[in-house]
């Protein structure tokens, strides 16, 4: 299933991704933000279990901000899992 998440507190504005029936992440894409870094995150998490991605990315910050695009991806996955 495809999910869309509106981010808050980051340069990216939206995250789209898919979760397969086994709970693995696919086709992550960010709208806005640091293009190269966010493409790298998407490649690194491709096919990984959602719980593993949450564990690794949750709580990451960006400069003085209390969140980051990676943290927002973790939040998006958590929200999707509880939808």
PDB file of N, CA and C in Angstrom:
ATOM      1  N   UNK A   1       0.836  -1.175   0.000  1.00  0.00           N
ATOM      2  CA  UNK A   1       0.000   0.000   0.000  1.00  0.00           C
ATOM      3  C   UNK A   1       0.883   1.241   0.000  1.00  0.00           C
ATOM      4  N   UNK A   2       0.468   2.271  -0.696  1.00  0.00           N
ATOM      5  CA  UNK A   2       1.218   3.526  -0.772  1.00  0.00           C
ATOM      6  C   UNK A   2       0.706   4.500   0.282  1.00  0.00           C
ATOM      7  N   UNK A   3       1.651   5.147   0.948  1.00  0.00           N
ATOM      8  CA  UNK A   3       1.331   6.134   1.984  1.00  0.00           C
ATOM      9  C   UNK A   3       1.961   7.468   1.621  1.00  0.00           C
ATOM     10  N   UNK A   4       1.300   8.537   2.038  1.00  0.00           N
ATOM     11  CA  UNK A   4       1.797   9.897   1.845  1.00  0.00           C
ATOM     12  C   UNK A   4       1.758  10.589   3.204  1.00  0.00           C
ATOM     13  N   UNK A   5       2.827  11.281   3.532  1.00  0.00           N
ATOM     14  CA  UNK A   5       2.942  11.915   4.849  1.00  0.00           C
ATOM     15  C   UNK A   5       3.405  13.355   4.669  1.00  0.00           C
ATOM     16  N   UNK A   6       2.671  14.290   5.240  1.00  0.00           N
ATOM     17  CA  UNK A   6       3.039  15.707   5.235  1.00  0.00           C
ATOM     18  C   UNK A   6       3.999  15.948   6.399  1.00  0.00           C
ATOM     19  N   UNK A   7       5.213  16.368   6.092  1.00  0.00           N
ATOM     20  CA  UNK A   7       6.219  16.561   7.131  1.00  0.00           C
ATOM     21  C   UNK A   7       6.026  17.882   7.856  1.00  0.00           C
ATOM     22  N   UNK A   8       6.634  17.988   9.036  1.00  0.00           N
ATOM     23  CA  UNK A   8       6.637  19.242   9.785  1.00  0.00           C
ATOM     24  C   UNK A   8       8.047  19.482  10.304  1.00  0.00           C
ATOM     25  N   UNK A   9       8.494  20.728  10.240  1.00  0.00           N
ATOM     26  CA  UNK A   9       9.778  21.108  10.810  1.00  0.00           C
ATOM     27  C   UNK A   9      10.988  20.763   9.955  1.00  0.00           C
ATOM     28  N   UNK A  10      10.774  20.399   8.687  1.00  0.00           N
ATOM     29  CA  UNK A  10      11.885  20.037   7.810  1.00  0.00           C
ATOM     30  C   UNK A  10      11.774  20.755   6.473  1.00  0.00           C
ATOM     31  N   UNK A  11      12.837  20.709   5.705  1.00  0.00           N
ATOM     32  CA  UNK A  11      12.842  21.307   4.365  1.00  0.00           C
ATOM     33  C   UNK A  11      11.983  20.494   3.400  1.00  0.00           C
ATOM     34  N   UNK A  12      11.970  19.171   3.561  1.00  0.00           N
ATOM     35  CA  UNK A  12      11.078  18.371   2.724  1.00  0.00           C
ATOM     36  C   UNK A  12       9.649  18.616   3.193  1.00  0.00           C
ATOM     37  N   UNK A  13       8.724  18.545   2.268  1.00  0.00           N
ATOM     38  CA  UNK A  13       7.325  18.846   2.587  1.00  0.00           C
ATOM     39  C   UNK A  13       6.437  17.608   2.631  1.00  0.00           C
ATOM     40  N   UNK A  14       6.878  16.549   1.943  1.00  0.00           N
ATOM     41  CA  UNK A  14       6.041  15.361   1.855  1.00  0.00           C
ATOM     42  C   UNK A  14       6.929  14.140   1.625  1.00  0.00           C
ATOM     43  N   UNK A  15       6.508  13.008   2.201  1.00  0.00           N
ATOM     44  CA  UNK A  15       7.186  11.729   1.995  1.00  0.00           C
ATOM     45  C   UNK A  15       6.157  10.734   1.480  1.00  0.00           C
ATOM     46  N   UNK A  16       6.538  10.006   0.446  1.00  0.00           N
ATOM     47  CA  UNK A  16       5.700   8.931  -0.075  1.00  0.00           C
ATOM     48  C   UNK A  16       6.484   7.632   0.025  1.00  0.00           C
ATOM     49  N   UNK A  17       5.801   6.549   0.314  1.00  0.00           N
ATOM     50  CA  UNK A  17       6.462   5.249   0.417  1.00  0.00           C
ATOM     51  C   UNK A  17       5.411   4.147   0.368  1.00  0.00           C
ATOM     52  N   UNK A  18       5.902   2.929   0.181  1.00  0.00           N
ATOM     53  CA  UNK A  18       5.040   1.760   0.184  1.00  0.00           C
ATOM     54  C   UNK A  18       5.493   0.808   1.281  1.00  0.00           C
ATOM     55  N   UNK A  19       4.530   0.139   1.882  1.00  0.00           N
ATOM     56  CA  UNK A  19       4.793  -0.951   2.821  1.00  0.00           C
ATOM     57  C   UNK A  19       4.183  -2.212   2.224  1.00  0.00           C
ATOM     58  N   UNK A  20       4.993  -3.260   2.079  1.00  0.00           N
ATOM     59  CA  UNK A  20       4.448  -4.504   1.550  1.00  0.00           C
ATOM     60  C   UNK A  20       3.792  -5.300   2.673  1.00  0.00           C
ATOM     61  N   UNK A  21       3.209  -6.427   2.328  1.00  0.00           N
ATOM     62  CA  UNK A  21       2.480  -7.245   3.310  1.00  0.00           C
ATOM     63  C   UNK A  21       3.368  -7.764   4.432  1.00  0.00           C
ATOM     64  N   UNK A  22       4.663  -7.878   4.167  1.00  0.00           N
ATOM     65  CA  UNK A  22       5.608  -8.349   5.188  1.00  0.00           C
ATOM     66  C   UNK A  22       6.115  -7.207   6.069  1.00  0.00           C
ATOM     67  N   UNK A  23       5.699  -5.963   5.759  1.00  0.00           N
ATOM     68  CA  UNK A  23       6.133  -4.821   6.559  1.00  0.00           C
ATOM     69  C   UNK A  23       7.456  -4.233   6.121  1.00  0.00           C
ATOM     70  N   UNK A  24       7.832  -4.478   4.863  1.00  0.00           N
ATOM     71  CA  UNK A  24       9.081  -3.928   4.331  1.00  0.00           C
ATOM     72  C   UNK A  24       8.808  -2.666   3.522  1.00  0.00           C
ATOM     73  N   UNK A  25       9.761  -1.759   3.544  1.00  0.00           N
ATOM     74  CA  UNK A  25       9.646  -0.443   2.924  1.00  0.00           C
ATOM     75  C   UNK A  25      10.106  -0.469   1.467  1.00  0.00           C
ATOM     76  N   UNK A  26       9.365   0.248   0.607  1.00  0.00           N
ATOM     77  CA  UNK A  26       9.713   0.327  -0.816  1.00  0.00           C
ATOM     78  C   UNK A  26       9.369   1.710  -1.371  1.00  0.00           C
ATOM     79  N   UNK A  27      10.095   2.102  -2.399  1.00  0.00           N
ATOM     80  CA  UNK A  27       9.789   3.301  -3.183  1.00  0.00           C
ATOM     81  C   UNK A  27       9.641   4.571  -2.342  1.00  0.00           C
ATOM     82  N   UNK A  28      10.562   4.787  -1.441  1.00  0.00           N
ATOM     83  CA  UNK A  28      10.542   5.997  -0.613  1.00  0.00           C
ATOM     84  C   UNK A  28      10.942   7.188  -1.478  1.00  0.00           C
ATOM     85  N   UNK A  29      10.193   8.262  -1.376  1.00  0.00           N
ATOM     86  CA  UNK A  29      10.563   9.495  -2.074  1.00  0.00           C
ATOM     87  C   UNK A  29      10.167  10.696  -1.221  1.00  0.00           C
ATOM     88  N   UNK A  30      10.994  11.719  -1.301  1.00  0.00           N
ATOM     89  CA  UNK A  30      10.784  12.954  -0.550  1.00  0.00           C
ATOM     90  C   UNK A  30      10.513  14.084  -1.537  1.00  0.00           C
ATOM     91  N   UNK A  31       9.586  14.977  -1.198  1.00  0.00           N
ATOM     92  CA  UNK A  31       9.343  16.174  -1.986  1.00  0.00           C
ATOM     93  C   UNK A  31      10.028  17.329  -1.259  1.00  0.00           C
ATOM     94  N   UNK A  32      11.044  17.912  -1.910  1.00  0.00           N
ATOM     95  CA  UNK A  32      11.803  18.992  -1.294  1.00  0.00           C
ATOM     96  C   UNK A  32      12.932  18.428  -0.453  1.00  0.00           C
ATOM     97  N   UNK A  33      13.642  19.293   0.206  1.00  0.00           N
ATOM     98  CA  UNK A  33      14.741  18.860   1.065  1.00  0.00           C
ATOM     99  C   UNK A  33      16.047  18.726   0.310  1.00  0.00           C
ATOM    100  N   UNK A  34      17.029  18.126   0.944  1.00  0.00           N
ATOM    101  CA  UNK A  34      18.372  17.938   0.381  1.00  0.00           C
ATOM    102  C   UNK A  34      18.354  16.745  -0.561  1.00  0.00           C
ATOM    103  N   UNK A  35      18.207  17.008  -1.824  1.00  0.00           N
ATOM    104  CA  UNK A  35      17.956  15.992  -2.835  1.00  0.00           C
ATOM    105  C   UNK A  35      18.908  14.796  -2.759  1.00  0.00           C
ATOM    106  N   UNK A  36      20.188  15.025  -2.772  1.00  0.00           N
ATOM    107  CA  UNK A  36      21.151  13.927  -2.766  1.00  0.00           C
ATOM    108  C   UNK A  36      21.074  13.093  -1.503  1.00  0.00           C
ATOM    109  N   UNK A  37      20.999  13.747  -0.356  1.00  0.00           N
ATOM    110  CA  UNK A  37      20.925  13.020   0.914  1.00  0.00           C
ATOM    111  C   UNK A  37      19.641  12.198   1.023  1.00  0.00           C
ATOM    112  N   UNK A  38      18.545  12.760   0.551  1.00  0.00           N
ATOM    113  CA  UNK A  38      17.269  12.056   0.671  1.00  0.00           C
ATOM    114  C   UNK A  38      17.170  10.901  -0.318  1.00  0.00           C
ATOM    115  N   UNK A  39      17.796  11.037  -1.491  1.00  0.00           N
ATOM    116  CA  UNK A  39      17.866   9.898  -2.414  1.00  0.00           C
ATOM    117  C   UNK A  39      18.685   8.779  -1.779  1.00  0.00           C
ATOM    118  N   UNK A  40      19.755   9.150  -1.082  1.00  0.00           N
ATOM    119  CA  UNK A  40      20.597   8.150  -0.416  1.00  0.00           C
ATOM    120  C   UNK A  40      19.809   7.425   0.675  1.00  0.00           C
ATOM    121  N   UNK A  41      19.058   8.161   1.487  1.00  0.00           N
ATOM    122  CA  UNK A  41      18.238   7.525   2.523  1.00  0.00           C
ATOM    123  C   UNK A  41      17.267   6.547   1.875  1.00  0.00           C
ATOM    124  N   UNK A  42      16.617   6.971   0.792  1.00  0.00           N
ATOM    125  CA  UNK A  42      15.652   6.106   0.113  1.00  0.00           C
ATOM    126  C   UNK A  42      16.310   4.815  -0.364  1.00  0.00           C
ATOM    127  N   UNK A  43      17.513   4.911  -0.907  1.00  0.00           N
ATOM    128  CA  UNK A  43      18.222   3.706  -1.362  1.00  0.00           C
ATOM    129  C   UNK A  43      18.613   2.812  -0.187  1.00  0.00           C
ATOM    130  N   UNK A  44      19.049   3.411   0.891  1.00  0.00           N
ATOM    131  CA  UNK A  44      19.491   2.638   2.049  1.00  0.00           C
ATOM    132  C   UNK A  44      18.357   1.883   2.734  1.00  0.00           C
ATOM    133  N   UNK A  45      17.147   2.423   2.703  1.00  0.00           N
ATOM    134  CA  UNK A  45      16.035   1.772   3.396  1.00  0.00           C
ATOM    135  C   UNK A  45      15.217   0.856   2.489  1.00  0.00           C
ATOM    136  N   UNK A  46      15.494   0.855   1.194  1.00  0.00           N
ATOM    137  CA  UNK A  46      14.732   0.035   0.245  1.00  0.00           C
ATOM    138  C   UNK A  46      14.748  -1.440   0.650  1.00  0.00           C
ATOM    139  N   UNK A  47      13.552  -1.995   0.812  1.00  0.00           N
ATOM    140  CA  UNK A  47      13.403  -3.410   1.135  1.00  0.00           C
ATOM    141  C   UNK A  47      13.626  -3.768   2.593  1.00  0.00           C
ATOM    142  N   UNK A  48      13.977  -2.786   3.426  1.00  0.00           N
ATOM    143  CA  UNK A  48      14.251  -3.041   4.841  1.00  0.00           C
ATOM    144  C   UNK A  48      12.941  -3.148   5.637  1.00  0.00           C
ATOM    145  N   UNK A  49      12.965  -3.922   6.716  1.00  0.00           N
ATOM    146  CA  UNK A  49      11.792  -3.992   7.588  1.00  0.00           C
ATOM    147  C   UNK A  49      11.488  -2.623   8.210  1.00  0.00           C
ATOM    148  N   UNK A  50      10.225  -2.258   8.234  1.00  0.00           N
ATOM    149  CA  UNK A  50       9.807  -0.959   8.757  1.00  0.00           C
ATOM    150  C   UNK A  50      10.312  -0.739  10.178  1.00  0.00           C
ATOM    151  N   UNK A  51      10.234  -1.758  11.023  1.00  0.00           N
ATOM    152  CA  UNK A  51      10.662  -1.610  12.417  1.00  0.00           C
ATOM    153  C   UNK A  51      12.151  -1.290  12.518  1.00  0.00           C
ATOM    154  N   UNK A  52      12.959  -1.871  11.654  1.00  0.00           N
ATOM    155  CA  UNK A  52      14.392  -1.593  11.648  1.00  0.00           C
ATOM    156  C   UNK A  52      14.658  -0.143  11.236  1.00  0.00           C
ATOM    157  N   UNK A  53      13.947   0.324  10.226  1.00  0.00           N
ATOM    158  CA  UNK A  53      14.116   1.704   9.757  1.00  0.00           C
ATOM    159  C   UNK A  53      13.705   2.681  10.852  1.00  0.00           C
ATOM    160  N   UNK A  54      12.604   2.412  11.516  1.00  0.00           N
ATOM    161  CA  UNK A  54      12.157   3.275  12.615  1.00  0.00           C
ATOM    162  C   UNK A  54      13.228   3.327  13.702  1.00  0.00           C
ATOM    163  N   UNK A  55      13.723   2.170  14.087  1.00  0.00           N
ATOM    164  CA  UNK A  55      14.726   2.086  15.158  1.00  0.00           C
ATOM    165  C   UNK A  55      15.977   2.903  14.819  1.00  0.00           C
ATOM    166  N   UNK A  56      16.397   2.864  13.580  1.00  0.00           N
ATOM    167  CA  UNK A  56      17.618   3.558  13.171  1.00  0.00           C
ATOM    168  C   UNK A  56      17.403   5.063  13.008  1.00  0.00           C
ATOM    169  N   UNK A  57      16.282   5.467  12.426  1.00  0.00           N
ATOM    170  CA  UNK A  57      16.092   6.869  12.053  1.00  0.00           C
ATOM    171  C   UNK A  57      15.376   7.724  13.098  1.00  0.00           C
ATOM    172  N   UNK A  58      14.570   7.114  13.949  1.00  0.00           N
ATOM    173  CA  UNK A  58      13.793   7.882  14.919  1.00  0.00           C
ATOM    174  C   UNK A  58      14.708   8.703  15.828  1.00  0.00           C
ATOM    175  N   UNK A  59      14.380   9.972  15.969  1.00  0.00           N
ATOM    176  CA  UNK A  59      15.113  10.845  16.875  1.00  0.00           C
ATOM    177  C   UNK A  59      16.278  11.598  16.251  1.00  0.00           C
ATOM    178  N   UNK A  60      16.613  11.306  14.984  1.00  0.00           N
ATOM    179  CA  UNK A  60      17.681  12.054  14.317  1.00  0.00           C
ATOM    180  C   UNK A  60      17.250  13.503  14.149  1.00  0.00           C
ATOM    181  N   UNK A  61      18.173  14.413  14.375  1.00  0.00           N
ATOM    182  CA  UNK A  61      17.877  15.839  14.249  1.00  0.00           C
ATOM    183  C   UNK A  61      18.684  16.438  13.103  1.00  0.00           C
ATOM    184  N   UNK A  62      18.338  17.651  12.723  1.00  0.00           N
ATOM    185  CA  UNK A  62      19.012  18.365  11.650  1.00  0.00           C
ATOM    186  C   UNK A  62      19.390  19.754  12.175  1.00  0.00           C
ATOM    187  N   UNK A  63      20.676  19.949  12.434  1.00  0.00           N
ATOM    188  CA  UNK A  63      21.110  21.233  12.990  1.00  0.00           C
ATOM    189  C   UNK A  63      20.374  21.516  14.286  1.00  0.00           C
ATOM    190  N   UNK A  64      19.859  22.745  14.435  1.00  0.00           N
ATOM    191  CA  UNK A  64      19.158  23.091  15.671  1.00  0.00           C
ATOM    192  C   UNK A  64      17.710  22.600  15.720  1.00  0.00           C
ATOM    193  N   UNK A  65      17.232  22.023  14.628  1.00  0.00           N
ATOM    194  CA  UNK A  65      15.839  21.552  14.594  1.00  0.00           C
ATOM    195  C   UNK A  65      15.684  20.303  15.472  1.00  0.00           C
ATOM    196  N   UNK A  66      14.516  20.140  16.071  1.00  0.00           N
ATOM    197  CA  UNK A  66      14.283  18.953  16.910  1.00  0.00           C
ATOM    198  C   UNK A  66      13.920  17.701  16.104  1.00  0.00           C
ATOM    199  N   UNK A  67      13.896  17.812  14.776  1.00  0.00           N
ATOM    200  CA  UNK A  67      13.551  16.702  13.902  1.00  0.00           C
ATOM    201  C   UNK A  67      14.425  16.771  12.652  1.00  0.00           C
ATOM    202  N   UNK A  68      14.249  15.832  11.760  1.00  0.00           N
ATOM    203  CA  UNK A  68      14.969  15.803  10.487  1.00  0.00           C
ATOM    204  C   UNK A  68      14.100  15.062   9.484  1.00  0.00           C
ATOM    205  N   UNK A  69      14.511  15.055   8.232  1.00  0.00           N
ATOM    206  CA  UNK A  69      13.764  14.293   7.228  1.00  0.00           C
ATOM    207  C   UNK A  69      13.781  12.805   7.579  1.00  0.00           C
ATOM    208  N   UNK A  70      14.903  12.310   8.086  1.00  0.00           N
ATOM    209  CA  UNK A  70      14.993  10.907   8.496  1.00  0.00           C
ATOM    210  C   UNK A  70      14.027  10.621   9.652  1.00  0.00           C
ATOM    211  N   UNK A  71      13.987  11.498  10.645  1.00  0.00           N
ATOM    212  CA  UNK A  71      13.066  11.354  11.775  1.00  0.00           C
ATOM    213  C   UNK A  71      11.617  11.417  11.291  1.00  0.00           C
ATOM    214  N   UNK A  72      11.344  12.299  10.340  1.00  0.00           N
ATOM    215  CA  UNK A  72       9.989  12.400   9.801  1.00  0.00           C
ATOM    216  C   UNK A  72       9.600  11.123   9.061  1.00  0.00           C
ATOM    217  N   UNK A  73      10.556  10.481   8.381  1.00  0.00           N
ATOM    218  CA  UNK A  73      10.268   9.197   7.740  1.00  0.00           C
ATOM    219  C   UNK A  73       9.897   8.164   8.796  1.00  0.00           C
ATOM    220  N   UNK A  74      10.622   8.129   9.896  1.00  0.00           N
ATOM    221  CA  UNK A  74      10.298   7.200  10.980  1.00  0.00           C
ATOM    222  C   UNK A  74       8.884   7.462  11.494  1.00  0.00           C
ATOM    223  N   UNK A  75       8.531   8.725  11.688  1.00  0.00           N
ATOM    224  CA  UNK A  75       7.186   9.088  12.163  1.00  0.00           C
ATOM    225  C   UNK A  75       6.127   8.664  11.141  1.00  0.00           C
ATOM    226  N   UNK A  76       6.437   8.863   9.857  1.00  0.00           N
ATOM    227  CA  UNK A  76       5.497   8.493   8.788  1.00  0.00           C
ATOM    228  C   UNK A  76       5.240   6.988   8.791  1.00  0.00           C
ATOM    229  N   UNK A  77       6.293   6.206   8.953  1.00  0.00           N
ATOM    230  CA  UNK A  77       6.159   4.751   8.983  1.00  0.00           C
ATOM    231  C   UNK A  77       5.331   4.323  10.195  1.00  0.00           C
ATOM    232  N   UNK A  78       5.607   4.918  11.342  1.00  0.00           N
ATOM    233  CA  UNK A  78       4.838   4.574  12.554  1.00  0.00           C
ATOM    234  C   UNK A  78       3.353   4.876  12.348  1.00  0.00           C
ATOM    235  N   UNK A  79       3.075   6.036  11.747  1.00  0.00           N
ATOM    236  CA  UNK A  79       1.680   6.412  11.502  1.00  0.00           C
ATOM    237  C   UNK A  79       1.026   5.420  10.533  1.00  0.00           C
ATOM    238  N   UNK A  80       1.739   5.047   9.489  1.00  0.00           N
ATOM    239  CA  UNK A  80       1.192   4.111   8.505  1.00  0.00           C
ATOM    240  C   UNK A  80       0.916   2.746   9.130  1.00  0.00           C
ATOM    241  N   UNK A  81       1.787   2.309  10.013  1.00  0.00           N
ATOM    242  CA  UNK A  81       1.614   0.999  10.645  1.00  0.00           C
ATOM    243  C   UNK A  81       0.391   0.969  11.566  1.00  0.00           C
ATOM    244  N   UNK A  82      -0.023   2.138  12.042  1.00  0.00           N
ATOM    245  CA  UNK A  82      -1.169   2.209  12.948  1.00  0.00           C
ATOM    246  C   UNK A  82      -2.430   2.690  12.254  1.00  0.00           C
ATOM    247  N   UNK A  83      -2.363   2.815  10.937  1.00  0.00           N
ATOM    248  CA  UNK A  83      -3.532   3.300  10.175  1.00  0.00           C
ATOM    249  C   UNK A  83      -4.533   2.175   9.945  1.00  0.00           C
TER     250      UNK A  83
END
